N, C-alpha and C. Protein backbone atom coordinates (compact mmCIF):
# COMPACT_ATOMS: atom_id res chain seq x y z
N MET A 1 0.75 -1.39 -0.20
CA MET A 1 -0.12 0.19 0.09
C MET A 1 1.04 1.63 -0.09
N ALA A 2 0.50 2.37 -0.29
CA ALA A 2 1.10 3.79 -0.16
C ALA A 2 0.85 4.15 0.98
N TYR A 3 1.93 4.97 1.27
CA TYR A 3 1.51 5.39 2.76
C TYR A 3 2.10 7.44 2.24
N SER A 4 1.30 7.66 3.44
CA SER A 4 1.31 9.42 3.15
C SER A 4 1.86 9.79 5.09
N TYR A 5 2.00 11.29 5.23
CA TYR A 5 1.72 12.13 5.58
C TYR A 5 0.48 11.63 6.42
N SER A 6 -0.16 11.68 5.83
CA SER A 6 -1.98 11.96 6.87
C SER A 6 -1.87 10.66 7.04
N ALA A 7 -1.64 9.35 6.64
CA ALA A 7 -1.54 8.28 6.95
C ALA A 7 -1.07 8.04 8.13
N ILE A 8 0.39 8.30 8.13
CA ILE A 8 0.98 8.16 9.63
C ILE A 8 0.99 8.53 10.46
N LYS A 9 0.66 10.06 10.76
CA LYS A 9 -0.09 10.74 11.46
C LYS A 9 -1.46 10.09 12.31
N ALA A 10 -2.33 10.08 11.08
CA ALA A 10 -3.41 8.82 11.27
C ALA A 10 -3.33 8.35 12.06
N PHE A 11 -2.11 6.73 12.04
CA PHE A 11 -1.62 5.77 13.04
C PHE A 11 -1.18 6.37 14.29
N LYS A 12 -0.13 6.88 14.15
CA LYS A 12 0.31 7.45 15.20
C LYS A 12 -0.78 8.04 16.06
N ASN A 13 -2.04 8.43 15.75
CA ASN A 13 -2.79 9.23 17.02
C ASN A 13 -4.58 8.12 17.78
N CYS A 14 -4.31 7.25 16.34
CA CYS A 14 -4.88 6.36 17.14
C CYS A 14 -5.05 5.03 15.85
N GLN A 15 -4.35 4.13 16.36
CA GLN A 15 -4.11 3.25 15.57
C GLN A 15 -5.18 1.89 15.03
N ARG A 16 -6.56 1.88 16.11
CA ARG A 16 -8.24 1.48 16.09
C ARG A 16 -8.00 2.93 14.74
N GLN A 17 -8.37 3.56 15.02
CA GLN A 17 -9.48 4.49 13.54
C GLN A 17 -8.34 4.81 12.64
N TYR A 18 -7.25 4.47 13.10
CA TYR A 18 -6.67 4.21 11.19
C TYR A 18 -7.26 3.35 10.69
N TYR A 19 -7.10 1.97 11.17
CA TYR A 19 -7.41 0.80 10.85
C TYR A 19 -9.21 0.67 9.95
N GLU A 20 -9.85 1.34 10.61
CA GLU A 20 -11.20 1.25 10.56
C GLU A 20 -11.65 2.20 9.49
N THR A 21 -10.92 3.38 9.02
CA THR A 21 -11.75 4.85 8.24
C THR A 21 -10.48 4.44 7.39
N ARG A 22 -10.04 4.04 7.54
CA ARG A 22 -8.53 4.03 6.44
C ARG A 22 -8.43 2.94 5.04
N ILE A 23 -7.81 1.33 6.45
CA ILE A 23 -8.00 0.29 5.59
C ILE A 23 -9.47 -0.48 5.91
N LEU A 24 -10.77 -0.53 6.92
CA LEU A 24 -11.67 -0.98 6.37
C LEU A 24 -12.95 0.11 5.77
N LYS A 25 -12.47 1.25 6.18
CA LYS A 25 -13.30 2.22 5.04
C LYS A 25 -14.61 1.95 5.78
N LYS A 26 -14.65 1.76 6.90
CA LYS A 26 -16.18 1.48 7.61
C LYS A 26 -16.72 2.85 8.29
N TRP A 27 -16.25 3.69 8.61
CA TRP A 27 -16.11 4.72 9.31
C TRP A 27 -15.99 6.60 8.41
N PRO A 28 -16.62 6.49 7.47
CA PRO A 28 -16.28 7.80 6.86
C PRO A 28 -16.26 9.22 7.39
N PHE A 29 -15.07 10.12 7.37
CA PHE A 29 -15.29 11.57 8.46
C PHE A 29 -16.08 12.30 7.32
N PRO A 30 -17.31 12.94 8.44
CA PRO A 30 -18.17 13.77 7.61
C PRO A 30 -17.55 15.01 6.58
N GLU A 31 -17.95 15.57 5.32
CA GLU A 31 -17.45 16.73 4.86
C GLU A 31 -18.42 18.21 5.83
N THR A 32 -17.36 18.72 6.82
CA THR A 32 -18.15 19.63 7.82
C THR A 32 -18.03 20.73 7.32
N GLU A 33 -18.65 21.91 7.46
CA GLU A 33 -18.33 23.28 6.75
C GLU A 33 -16.55 23.72 6.51
N ALA A 34 -16.37 23.53 7.85
CA ALA A 34 -14.92 23.74 7.86
C ALA A 34 -13.99 23.15 6.56
N ILE A 35 -14.58 21.85 6.73
CA ILE A 35 -13.39 21.58 5.81
C ILE A 35 -13.79 21.89 3.75
N MET A 36 -14.91 21.89 4.06
CA MET A 36 -15.26 22.62 2.54
C MET A 36 -14.59 24.19 2.49
N TYR A 37 -14.44 24.69 3.65
CA TYR A 37 -14.37 25.70 3.29
C TYR A 37 -12.64 26.21 3.04
N GLY A 38 -12.07 24.24 4.02
CA GLY A 38 -10.69 24.96 3.87
C GLY A 38 -10.30 24.55 2.20
N LYS A 39 -11.48 23.50 1.77
CA LYS A 39 -10.70 23.28 0.07
C LYS A 39 -11.77 23.41 -0.76
N ASP A 40 -12.16 24.72 -0.58
CA ASP A 40 -12.47 26.27 -1.02
C ASP A 40 -10.92 27.27 -1.08
N VAL A 41 -11.13 27.41 -0.04
CA VAL A 41 -9.38 28.28 0.51
C VAL A 41 -8.54 27.62 -0.72
N HIS A 42 -8.33 26.32 -0.41
CA HIS A 42 -6.65 26.06 -0.96
C HIS A 42 -6.88 26.05 -2.76
N GLN A 43 -8.53 25.51 -3.43
CA GLN A 43 -8.78 26.06 -4.51
C GLN A 43 -8.63 27.39 -5.30
N ALA A 44 -8.96 28.36 -4.38
CA ALA A 44 -8.93 29.25 -5.40
C ALA A 44 -7.04 30.27 -4.55
N LEU A 45 -6.38 29.96 -3.61
CA LEU A 45 -5.26 30.09 -4.06
C LEU A 45 -4.49 29.05 -5.03
N GLU A 46 -4.71 28.06 -5.20
CA GLU A 46 -3.88 27.47 -6.27
C GLU A 46 -4.69 28.48 -7.54
N ASP A 47 -5.38 28.71 -7.74
CA ASP A 47 -6.17 29.12 -9.32
C ASP A 47 -5.55 30.44 -9.47
N TYR A 48 -4.97 30.81 -8.11
CA TYR A 48 -4.61 32.53 -8.70
C TYR A 48 -3.06 31.79 -8.69
N ILE A 49 -2.07 31.66 -8.11
CA ILE A 49 -0.91 31.58 -8.34
C ILE A 49 -0.36 30.34 -9.81
N GLY A 50 -1.43 29.38 -9.93
CA GLY A 50 -0.81 28.59 -11.23
C GLY A 50 -2.25 28.82 -12.35
N GLU A 51 -3.09 30.33 -12.10
CA GLU A 51 -3.92 29.89 -13.83
C GLU A 51 -3.72 31.54 -13.88
N ASN A 52 -3.56 33.10 -12.53
CA ASN A 52 -3.38 33.86 -12.62
C ASN A 52 -5.62 34.57 -12.24
N LYS A 53 -6.76 33.19 -11.62
CA LYS A 53 -7.87 33.72 -12.00
C LYS A 53 -7.69 34.48 -10.33
N PRO A 54 -8.49 35.62 -10.07
CA PRO A 54 -9.01 36.14 -9.30
C PRO A 54 -9.06 35.80 -7.83
N LEU A 55 -9.20 35.99 -6.70
CA LEU A 55 -9.28 34.86 -5.73
C LEU A 55 -11.16 35.10 -5.15
N GLY A 56 -11.36 36.53 -5.37
CA GLY A 56 -13.12 36.59 -5.52
C GLY A 56 -13.25 36.42 -4.68
N PRO A 57 -14.09 35.83 -3.54
CA PRO A 57 -14.56 36.29 -2.15
C PRO A 57 -13.27 35.66 -1.29
N HIS A 58 -11.84 35.10 -1.57
CA HIS A 58 -11.28 35.09 -0.84
C HIS A 58 -10.03 35.76 -1.11
N SER A 59 -10.38 37.06 -1.51
CA SER A 59 -9.44 38.53 -1.34
C SER A 59 -8.64 38.82 -0.17
N ARG A 60 -9.53 38.46 0.90
CA ARG A 60 -8.41 39.00 1.89
C ARG A 60 -7.56 37.79 1.85
N PHE A 61 -6.86 37.10 1.51
CA PHE A 61 -6.36 36.09 0.90
C PHE A 61 -4.76 36.92 0.11
N GLN A 62 -5.02 37.98 -0.13
CA GLN A 62 -4.00 38.22 -1.66
C GLN A 62 -2.68 39.07 -1.22
N PRO A 63 -2.65 39.26 0.00
CA PRO A 63 -1.32 39.68 1.07
C PRO A 63 -0.21 38.57 1.01
N ILE A 64 -0.78 37.44 1.20
CA ILE A 64 -0.19 36.16 1.12
C ILE A 64 0.40 35.60 -0.01
N VAL A 65 -1.04 35.48 -0.93
CA VAL A 65 -0.14 34.55 -2.37
C VAL A 65 0.52 35.64 -3.41
N ASP A 66 0.28 36.79 -2.95
CA ASP A 66 1.62 37.96 -3.63
C ASP A 66 2.70 38.22 -3.09
N ALA A 67 2.79 37.90 -1.77
CA ALA A 67 4.53 37.13 -0.82
C ALA A 67 5.06 36.04 -1.49
N LEU A 68 3.71 34.90 -1.96
CA LEU A 68 4.33 34.25 -2.42
C LEU A 68 4.82 33.83 -4.07
N MET A 69 4.30 35.26 -4.76
CA MET A 69 4.60 34.98 -5.50
C MET A 69 5.50 36.05 -6.36
N ASP A 70 5.95 36.56 -5.36
CA ASP A 70 7.47 37.53 -5.80
C ASP A 70 8.63 36.22 -5.00
N ILE A 71 8.42 35.27 -4.41
CA ILE A 71 10.01 34.64 -4.32
C ILE A 71 9.74 33.98 -6.03
N GLU A 72 11.36 33.95 -6.32
CA GLU A 72 12.32 33.71 -7.32
C GLU A 72 12.22 32.53 -7.02
N GLY A 73 11.87 31.98 -8.57
CA GLY A 73 11.56 30.42 -8.99
C GLY A 73 10.19 30.00 -9.41
N GLU A 74 10.29 28.75 -9.76
CA GLU A 74 9.37 28.35 -11.05
C GLU A 74 8.43 27.77 -9.19
N LYS A 75 6.82 28.30 -9.90
CA LYS A 75 5.65 27.88 -8.84
C LYS A 75 5.35 27.15 -9.60
N LEU A 76 5.02 26.18 -8.44
CA LEU A 76 4.25 24.30 -8.43
C LEU A 76 3.28 24.42 -7.25
N PRO A 77 2.41 24.72 -8.21
CA PRO A 77 0.73 24.68 -6.62
C PRO A 77 0.53 22.92 -7.05
N GLU A 78 -0.06 22.72 -5.72
CA GLU A 78 -0.31 21.48 -5.56
C GLU A 78 0.33 20.56 -6.26
N PHE A 79 1.58 20.68 -6.33
CA PHE A 79 2.51 19.76 -6.90
C PHE A 79 2.42 17.83 -5.70
N GLU A 80 2.54 17.25 -6.66
CA GLU A 80 2.35 15.86 -6.29
C GLU A 80 3.11 15.70 -6.97
N MET A 81 4.04 14.66 -5.20
CA MET A 81 5.27 13.77 -5.80
C MET A 81 4.86 12.05 -5.12
N ALA A 82 5.85 11.28 -5.38
CA ALA A 82 5.58 10.19 -5.39
C ALA A 82 7.03 9.28 -4.94
N LEU A 83 7.14 8.13 -4.46
CA LEU A 83 8.21 7.54 -4.33
C LEU A 83 7.78 6.75 -4.47
N ASP A 84 9.07 5.23 -5.17
CA ASP A 84 9.01 4.18 -4.93
C ASP A 84 9.59 3.44 -3.91
N ASP A 85 9.53 2.01 -3.67
CA ASP A 85 10.82 1.74 -2.66
C ASP A 85 12.38 2.16 -2.49
N ASN A 86 12.49 2.43 -3.70
CA ASN A 86 13.76 2.91 -3.69
C ASN A 86 14.34 4.73 -3.17
N LEU A 87 13.32 5.43 -2.63
CA LEU A 87 12.69 6.61 -3.44
C LEU A 87 13.32 7.18 -3.77
N ASP A 88 12.87 6.67 -5.37
CA ASP A 88 13.31 7.27 -6.62
C ASP A 88 11.88 7.74 -7.12
N PRO A 89 11.43 8.96 -7.30
CA PRO A 89 11.19 10.00 -8.22
C PRO A 89 9.58 8.52 -8.83
N CYS A 90 7.81 8.72 -8.72
CA CYS A 90 7.61 7.47 -10.30
C CYS A 90 6.36 8.27 -10.18
N GLU A 91 5.26 7.47 -10.96
CA GLU A 91 4.01 7.80 -10.97
C GLU A 91 3.20 7.95 -9.91
N PHE A 92 2.80 9.27 -9.79
CA PHE A 92 1.48 9.57 -8.92
C PHE A 92 1.02 8.87 -7.65
N LEU A 93 0.52 7.85 -9.24
CA LEU A 93 -1.20 6.88 -8.60
C LEU A 93 -0.64 5.55 -9.07
N GLY A 94 0.84 5.12 -9.61
CA GLY A 94 1.44 4.18 -10.14
C GLY A 94 1.15 3.14 -8.55
N ASP A 95 1.47 1.96 -9.77
CA ASP A 95 1.38 0.74 -8.77
C ASP A 95 2.74 0.53 -7.65
N ASN A 96 3.93 1.34 -8.43
CA ASN A 96 4.72 0.65 -7.25
C ASN A 96 5.31 2.06 -6.44
N VAL A 97 3.97 2.49 -5.97
CA VAL A 97 4.14 4.22 -5.74
C VAL A 97 4.52 3.35 -3.51
N PHE A 98 5.84 4.14 -2.91
CA PHE A 98 5.91 3.89 -1.77
C PHE A 98 5.12 4.65 -0.76
N ILE A 99 5.12 6.33 -1.31
CA ILE A 99 5.14 6.80 -0.53
C ILE A 99 4.64 8.04 -1.51
N ARG A 100 3.42 9.21 -0.51
CA ARG A 100 3.33 9.84 -2.32
C ARG A 100 2.51 10.80 -1.19
N GLY A 101 2.32 12.73 -1.85
CA GLY A 101 1.97 13.35 -1.13
C GLY A 101 2.06 14.61 -2.00
N ILE A 102 0.98 15.64 -1.64
CA ILE A 102 0.94 17.10 -2.16
C ILE A 102 0.90 17.90 -1.67
N ALA A 103 2.01 18.58 -1.89
CA ALA A 103 2.34 19.81 -1.20
C ALA A 103 1.63 21.32 -1.73
N ASP A 104 1.18 22.39 -0.61
CA ASP A 104 0.17 23.10 -2.40
C ASP A 104 0.99 24.18 -2.09
N ILE A 105 2.07 24.63 -2.06
CA ILE A 105 2.96 25.39 -3.37
C ILE A 105 4.69 25.01 -2.90
N VAL A 106 5.07 24.85 -4.20
CA VAL A 106 6.59 24.24 -4.24
C VAL A 106 6.95 25.21 -5.16
N ILE A 107 7.87 25.81 -4.79
CA ILE A 107 8.91 27.22 -5.52
C ILE A 107 10.36 27.17 -5.95
N VAL A 108 10.52 25.98 -7.09
CA VAL A 108 12.00 25.67 -6.49
C VAL A 108 13.28 26.48 -7.51
N ASP A 109 13.94 27.33 -7.50
CA ASP A 109 14.96 27.75 -7.81
C ASP A 109 15.78 27.15 -8.39
N LYS A 110 16.35 25.58 -9.57
CA LYS A 110 17.74 25.13 -9.34
C LYS A 110 18.63 25.79 -9.10
N GLU A 111 18.82 26.93 -10.06
CA GLU A 111 20.36 27.40 -9.98
C GLU A 111 20.65 27.69 -9.18
N LYS A 112 19.97 28.45 -7.93
CA LYS A 112 20.51 28.29 -6.79
C LYS A 112 20.45 27.14 -5.79
N GLY A 113 19.95 26.25 -6.52
CA GLY A 113 19.77 25.17 -5.32
C GLY A 113 19.10 25.51 -4.56
N THR A 114 17.83 26.62 -3.75
CA THR A 114 16.93 26.02 -3.10
C THR A 114 15.54 26.16 -3.94
N ALA A 115 14.95 25.76 -2.83
CA ALA A 115 13.40 25.72 -3.08
C ALA A 115 12.45 25.75 -1.40
N TYR A 116 11.11 26.26 -2.11
CA TYR A 116 10.39 26.99 -0.87
C TYR A 116 9.21 26.79 -0.69
N ILE A 117 8.56 25.83 0.09
CA ILE A 117 7.05 24.54 0.70
C ILE A 117 6.46 25.49 1.35
N GLY A 118 5.24 26.17 0.87
CA GLY A 118 4.22 26.26 1.52
C GLY A 118 3.01 25.38 1.58
N ASP A 119 2.37 25.57 2.83
CA ASP A 119 1.68 24.38 3.71
C ASP A 119 0.48 25.14 4.18
N TYR A 120 -1.05 25.30 3.00
CA TYR A 120 -1.80 25.80 4.18
C TYR A 120 -2.84 26.07 4.70
N LYS A 121 -2.98 26.42 5.98
CA LYS A 121 -4.11 25.90 6.66
C LYS A 121 -5.21 27.29 7.13
N THR A 122 -5.70 26.03 7.27
CA THR A 122 -7.36 27.34 7.53
C THR A 122 -8.30 26.71 8.93
N GLY A 123 -7.34 26.61 9.54
CA GLY A 123 -8.08 25.94 11.07
C GLY A 123 -7.31 26.30 12.10
N SER A 124 -7.18 26.22 13.43
CA SER A 124 -6.53 26.91 14.63
C SER A 124 -5.02 26.75 14.15
N ALA A 125 -4.63 27.08 14.74
CA ALA A 125 -2.90 27.97 14.73
C ALA A 125 -2.74 27.41 16.03
N LYS A 126 -2.82 26.79 17.32
CA LYS A 126 -2.52 26.67 18.22
C LYS A 126 -2.18 25.18 18.44
N TYR A 127 -2.36 24.48 17.48
CA TYR A 127 -1.16 23.35 17.73
C TYR A 127 -0.44 22.71 16.17
N PRO A 128 0.76 23.94 15.52
CA PRO A 128 1.07 24.12 15.09
C PRO A 128 2.40 22.58 14.37
N ASP A 129 2.09 22.02 13.93
CA ASP A 129 2.82 20.46 13.32
C ASP A 129 3.47 20.52 12.39
N THR A 130 4.90 20.70 12.38
CA THR A 130 6.01 21.15 11.25
C THR A 130 6.47 19.59 10.44
N ASP A 131 5.90 18.59 10.98
CA ASP A 131 6.06 17.41 10.44
C ASP A 131 5.60 17.13 9.09
N GLN A 132 4.93 17.34 8.56
CA GLN A 132 4.54 17.15 6.82
C GLN A 132 5.26 18.33 6.60
N LEU A 133 5.94 19.09 6.58
CA LEU A 133 7.13 20.30 5.50
C LEU A 133 7.93 19.28 5.56
N GLU A 134 8.72 18.54 6.95
CA GLU A 134 9.87 17.66 7.08
C GLU A 134 9.66 16.69 5.57
N LEU A 135 8.76 15.88 5.67
CA LEU A 135 8.30 14.70 4.39
C LEU A 135 8.09 15.27 3.24
N MET A 136 7.85 16.76 3.02
CA MET A 136 7.71 17.48 1.72
C MET A 136 8.64 17.90 1.25
N ALA A 137 9.63 17.93 2.25
CA ALA A 137 11.57 18.65 1.65
C ALA A 137 11.72 17.43 1.72
N LEU A 138 11.76 16.18 1.88
CA LEU A 138 12.53 15.34 1.85
C LEU A 138 12.27 14.48 0.44
N MET A 139 11.23 14.77 0.26
CA MET A 139 10.60 14.47 -1.17
C MET A 139 11.27 15.39 -2.14
N VAL A 140 11.19 16.77 -2.13
CA VAL A 140 11.69 18.08 -3.20
C VAL A 140 13.01 16.94 -3.13
N PHE A 141 13.33 16.93 -2.47
CA PHE A 141 14.97 17.14 -2.45
C PHE A 141 15.20 16.10 -3.56
N ARG A 142 14.46 14.51 -3.11
CA ARG A 142 14.54 13.25 -4.05
C ARG A 142 14.29 14.08 -5.87
N TYR A 143 13.13 14.98 -6.31
CA TYR A 143 12.68 15.57 -7.30
C TYR A 143 13.31 16.26 -7.75
N PHE A 144 14.31 16.90 -7.20
CA PHE A 144 14.98 18.21 -7.65
C PHE A 144 16.55 17.84 -6.81
N PRO A 145 17.50 16.90 -7.66
CA PRO A 145 18.42 16.50 -7.20
C PRO A 145 19.34 17.99 -7.52
N GLU A 146 19.01 19.13 -7.70
CA GLU A 146 20.16 20.32 -7.18
C GLU A 146 19.73 20.87 -6.05
N VAL A 147 18.48 20.82 -5.20
CA VAL A 147 18.05 21.62 -4.73
C VAL A 147 18.54 21.06 -3.25
N THR A 148 19.56 21.46 -2.44
CA THR A 148 20.11 21.75 -1.24
C THR A 148 19.65 22.37 -0.05
N HIS A 149 18.47 23.13 -0.12
CA HIS A 149 17.94 23.48 0.94
C HIS A 149 17.29 24.36 0.60
N VAL A 150 15.76 23.44 1.33
CA VAL A 150 14.66 24.33 1.81
C VAL A 150 14.10 24.96 2.60
N LYS A 151 13.47 26.08 1.99
CA LYS A 151 12.91 26.44 3.50
C LYS A 151 10.93 26.37 3.53
N ALA A 152 10.50 26.35 4.72
CA ALA A 152 9.16 25.83 4.57
C ALA A 152 8.34 26.41 4.90
N ALA A 153 7.37 27.04 5.60
CA ALA A 153 6.05 27.21 6.44
C ALA A 153 5.01 26.88 6.17
N LEU A 154 4.16 26.23 7.23
CA LEU A 154 3.03 26.51 7.17
C LEU A 154 2.10 28.01 7.33
N LEU A 155 1.48 28.11 6.94
CA LEU A 155 0.61 29.51 6.46
C LEU A 155 -0.95 29.63 6.93
N PHE A 156 -0.97 29.74 7.85
CA PHE A 156 -2.43 30.39 8.74
C PHE A 156 -3.03 31.30 8.41
N VAL A 157 -3.47 31.11 7.11
CA VAL A 157 -4.08 32.00 6.37
C VAL A 157 -5.17 32.51 7.19
N VAL A 158 -6.03 32.31 7.58
CA VAL A 158 -7.30 32.62 8.67
C VAL A 158 -7.00 33.91 9.97
N HIS A 159 -5.76 33.35 10.00
CA HIS A 159 -4.68 33.64 11.29
C HIS A 159 -3.97 34.48 11.60
N ASP A 160 -3.45 34.66 10.09
CA ASP A 160 -2.51 36.07 9.72
C ASP A 160 -1.77 35.05 10.68
N LYS A 161 -1.11 34.01 10.66
CA LYS A 161 0.63 33.45 11.80
C LYS A 161 1.11 32.64 10.77
N VAL A 162 2.54 32.55 10.70
CA VAL A 162 3.57 32.28 9.34
C VAL A 162 4.12 31.04 11.00
N VAL A 163 4.51 30.06 10.76
CA VAL A 163 5.21 29.19 11.44
C VAL A 163 6.11 28.33 10.39
N THR A 164 7.83 28.28 10.38
CA THR A 164 8.45 28.07 9.71
C THR A 164 9.76 27.44 10.54
N ALA A 165 10.37 26.59 8.99
CA ALA A 165 11.18 25.40 9.30
C ALA A 165 12.44 25.78 7.76
N GLU A 166 13.31 25.06 8.42
CA GLU A 166 14.41 25.10 7.15
C GLU A 166 15.28 23.82 7.15
N TYR A 167 14.89 23.16 5.96
CA TYR A 167 15.97 21.74 5.78
C TYR A 167 17.44 22.08 5.24
N PHE A 168 18.00 20.78 5.64
CA PHE A 168 19.18 20.55 3.82
C PHE A 168 19.19 19.51 3.59
N LYS A 169 19.44 18.79 3.03
CA LYS A 169 19.95 17.96 2.24
C LYS A 169 20.83 16.91 2.42
N LYS A 170 22.21 18.14 3.42
CA LYS A 170 22.94 16.67 4.08
C LYS A 170 22.43 16.09 5.11
N ASP A 171 21.29 16.61 5.86
CA ASP A 171 20.83 15.81 6.95
C ASP A 171 19.86 15.01 6.04
N ALA A 172 19.28 14.67 5.85
CA ALA A 172 18.12 13.75 4.77
C ALA A 172 18.19 12.23 5.41
N LYS A 173 19.36 11.81 5.11
CA LYS A 173 19.62 10.38 5.15
C LYS A 173 18.92 9.66 6.96
N PRO A 174 19.03 10.92 8.00
CA PRO A 174 18.84 10.39 8.97
C PRO A 174 17.15 10.52 9.27
N LYS A 175 16.33 11.68 8.54
CA LYS A 175 15.55 12.15 8.46
C LYS A 175 14.30 10.92 8.75
N TRP A 176 15.10 10.22 7.25
CA TRP A 176 14.48 9.19 6.48
C TRP A 176 14.62 8.18 6.91
N VAL A 177 15.78 7.67 8.03
CA VAL A 177 15.49 7.11 9.22
C VAL A 177 14.01 6.51 9.76
N LEU A 178 14.21 7.87 10.13
CA LEU A 178 13.12 8.36 11.41
C LEU A 178 11.54 7.60 10.26
N TRP A 179 11.70 8.17 9.38
CA TRP A 179 10.32 8.14 8.84
C TRP A 179 9.57 6.99 8.53
N LEU A 180 11.29 6.31 8.06
CA LEU A 180 10.61 4.62 7.81
C LEU A 180 10.77 3.86 8.87
N GLY A 181 11.03 4.17 9.74
CA GLY A 181 10.71 3.46 10.68
C GLY A 181 9.36 3.69 11.70
N LYS A 182 9.03 4.79 10.42
CA LYS A 182 7.26 4.75 11.15
C LYS A 182 6.42 4.44 10.27
N VAL A 183 7.09 3.76 9.17
CA VAL A 183 6.21 2.75 8.42
C VAL A 183 6.79 1.97 8.91
N GLU A 184 7.46 0.84 9.15
CA GLU A 184 7.38 -0.11 9.84
C GLU A 184 6.76 -0.21 10.81
N GLU A 185 6.71 0.46 12.19
CA GLU A 185 5.15 0.13 12.65
C GLU A 185 3.48 -0.09 12.12
N MET A 186 3.72 0.39 11.39
CA MET A 186 2.31 0.26 10.71
C MET A 186 2.54 -1.10 9.54
N GLU A 187 3.77 -1.62 9.45
CA GLU A 187 3.40 -2.75 8.17
C GLU A 187 3.46 -3.93 9.26
N SER A 188 4.43 -3.39 10.47
CA SER A 188 3.48 -4.66 11.61
C SER A 188 2.67 -4.68 12.25
N ALA A 189 2.03 -3.48 12.19
CA ALA A 189 0.69 -3.32 12.62
C ALA A 189 -0.06 -4.37 11.31
N ALA A 190 0.06 -4.36 10.16
CA ALA A 190 -0.79 -4.62 9.64
C ALA A 190 -0.12 -6.01 9.32
N ASN A 191 1.19 -6.63 9.80
CA ASN A 191 1.19 -8.14 9.99
C ASN A 191 0.81 -9.14 10.63
N MET A 192 0.93 -8.46 11.70
CA MET A 192 0.23 -8.94 13.14
C MET A 192 -1.58 -8.61 13.21
N ASN A 193 -1.85 -7.51 12.19
CA ASN A 193 -3.56 -7.74 12.40
C ASN A 193 -4.04 -6.96 13.47
N MET A 194 -3.00 -6.43 14.27
CA MET A 194 -3.28 -5.78 15.59
C MET A 194 -3.39 -4.23 15.45
N TYR A 195 -4.57 -3.47 16.26
CA TYR A 195 -4.08 -1.95 15.60
C TYR A 195 -4.98 -1.51 17.01
N HIS A 196 -4.27 -1.02 18.15
CA HIS A 196 -4.47 -1.01 19.45
C HIS A 196 -5.36 0.54 19.39
N GLU A 197 -6.19 0.79 20.68
CA GLU A 197 -6.80 2.27 20.61
C GLU A 197 -6.20 2.77 21.71
N ASN A 198 -5.95 3.80 21.16
CA ASN A 198 -5.48 5.34 22.11
C ASN A 198 -6.51 6.06 23.14
N PRO A 199 -6.92 6.03 23.92
CA PRO A 199 -7.97 6.52 24.01
C PRO A 199 -6.86 8.29 24.79
N THR A 200 -7.93 9.71 23.68
CA THR A 200 -8.00 10.75 24.17
C THR A 200 -8.52 11.46 24.31
N GLY A 201 -8.71 12.76 24.51
CA GLY A 201 -9.92 13.94 24.87
C GLY A 201 -10.31 13.96 23.35
N LEU A 202 -10.08 13.05 22.43
CA LEU A 202 -10.75 13.68 20.80
C LEU A 202 -11.94 12.86 21.01
N CYS A 203 -11.57 11.72 21.59
CA CYS A 203 -12.67 10.39 21.76
C CYS A 203 -14.26 11.26 21.05
N PRO A 204 -14.41 12.05 21.73
CA PRO A 204 -15.96 11.82 21.47
C PRO A 204 -15.78 12.72 20.16
N TRP A 205 -15.52 12.91 19.06
CA TRP A 205 -15.66 13.47 17.63
C TRP A 205 -14.97 12.26 16.79
N CYS A 206 -14.33 11.43 17.06
CA CYS A 206 -13.86 9.62 16.26
C CYS A 206 -15.10 9.32 15.53
N PRO A 207 -15.58 9.00 14.68
CA PRO A 207 -16.17 8.62 13.90
C PRO A 207 -16.31 7.25 14.32
N VAL A 208 -15.59 6.56 14.89
CA VAL A 208 -15.72 5.00 15.05
C VAL A 208 -16.29 4.90 16.49
N THR A 209 -17.71 4.79 16.06
CA THR A 209 -18.87 4.92 17.46
C THR A 209 -18.83 3.31 18.11
N ASP A 210 -18.18 2.46 17.12
CA ASP A 210 -18.12 1.17 18.33
C ASP A 210 -17.30 0.85 19.02
N CYS A 211 -16.22 1.25 18.98
CA CYS A 211 -14.99 2.22 19.76
C CYS A 211 -15.45 1.70 21.44
N PRO A 212 -15.26 1.14 22.64
CA PRO A 212 -15.27 1.18 23.77
C PRO A 212 -15.11 2.62 24.79
N HIS A 213 -14.39 3.21 23.98
CA HIS A 213 -13.96 4.88 24.39
C HIS A 213 -14.17 5.73 23.92
N HIS A 214 -15.42 5.35 23.20
CA HIS A 214 -16.17 6.64 21.98
C HIS A 214 -17.39 6.85 23.24
N ARG A 215 -16.92 7.87 23.71
CA ARG A 215 -18.48 8.77 24.60
C ARG A 215 -19.23 9.65 23.71
N PRO A 216 -20.67 10.11 24.06
CA PRO A 216 -20.97 11.34 23.46
C PRO A 216 -20.43 12.87 23.54
N LYS A 217 -20.53 13.46 22.61
CA LYS A 217 -19.83 14.80 22.44
C LYS A 217 -20.47 15.09 24.14
N PRO A 218 -19.28 16.59 24.56
CA PRO A 218 -19.92 17.30 25.38
C PRO A 218 -20.94 18.57 25.22
N ARG A 219 -21.83 18.70 25.74
CA ARG A 219 -22.69 19.32 26.00
C ARG A 219 -22.17 21.11 25.94
N ARG A 220 -22.89 21.72 25.16
CA ARG A 220 -21.90 23.17 25.36
C ARG A 220 -23.79 24.00 25.48
N TYR A 221 -23.52 24.71 26.59
CA TYR A 221 -24.68 25.48 27.48
C TYR A 221 -23.74 26.57 26.93
C-alpha cells in the first residue's frame, strides 16, 4: 500500500481509528463546513498562483499569495510527489508507489539550489505541526537533485500566522531513517493484524462509534 503523511499521522494518533477509517473504510469522516471551506480556499489559492484567476470571495488572502509570487523560482501549486521503494520519483498513482504527498505550493530555484514549500492552513493555529513540511522537503530533495536547501512554512491564512522551518539535503538520510521507522511500525501492525486503541480527549469526535472509548460529545451551554 502507499503511505502518506496523513496516514502516518492518523496511525500515530490512534491505530484503531486508522484501521477502521482508512483500511476498512467503515467510518467515513463527514464533510463539515470547516472542511469544505478549507477545500474552497485551497482551490482559490491554487487557481490564483497557477492560472492568475481572481481570488473572488477570498481576496483577503491577496497579500499572502502576492508574497509567494514574489519568491524567485518556478511556481508549482498543488505539486504531486510520489516515491517508490528506492525513494526514486514515480507516477503519483502508479502501482509501485511507496509514499506520496501533495504540497500546496513548491517554488524551485534550480540555479540557486533552493526551494520553498508552503502549506495552507485554514484551521486553528494553536498546535502547529511541522512534520508534514519535513516529509515534503525530503521528497523535494528526491525530485530536484539540484536543491540542497529548503525553506518551508505552515501558512495559517485565516489567523495571519506563519510557522517556519528549514531543511538541508545533508541531513536527509537520518531523517528518512526516522520516517521509514514509522512506516515499519504500520507494516508490523498490518502483519499482526493488531491495531491498538489510543483514548484521548478527542474520542467524542471520533467516527468509530463502536469503540469502547467512544463517548457522547460534551454539551455546550
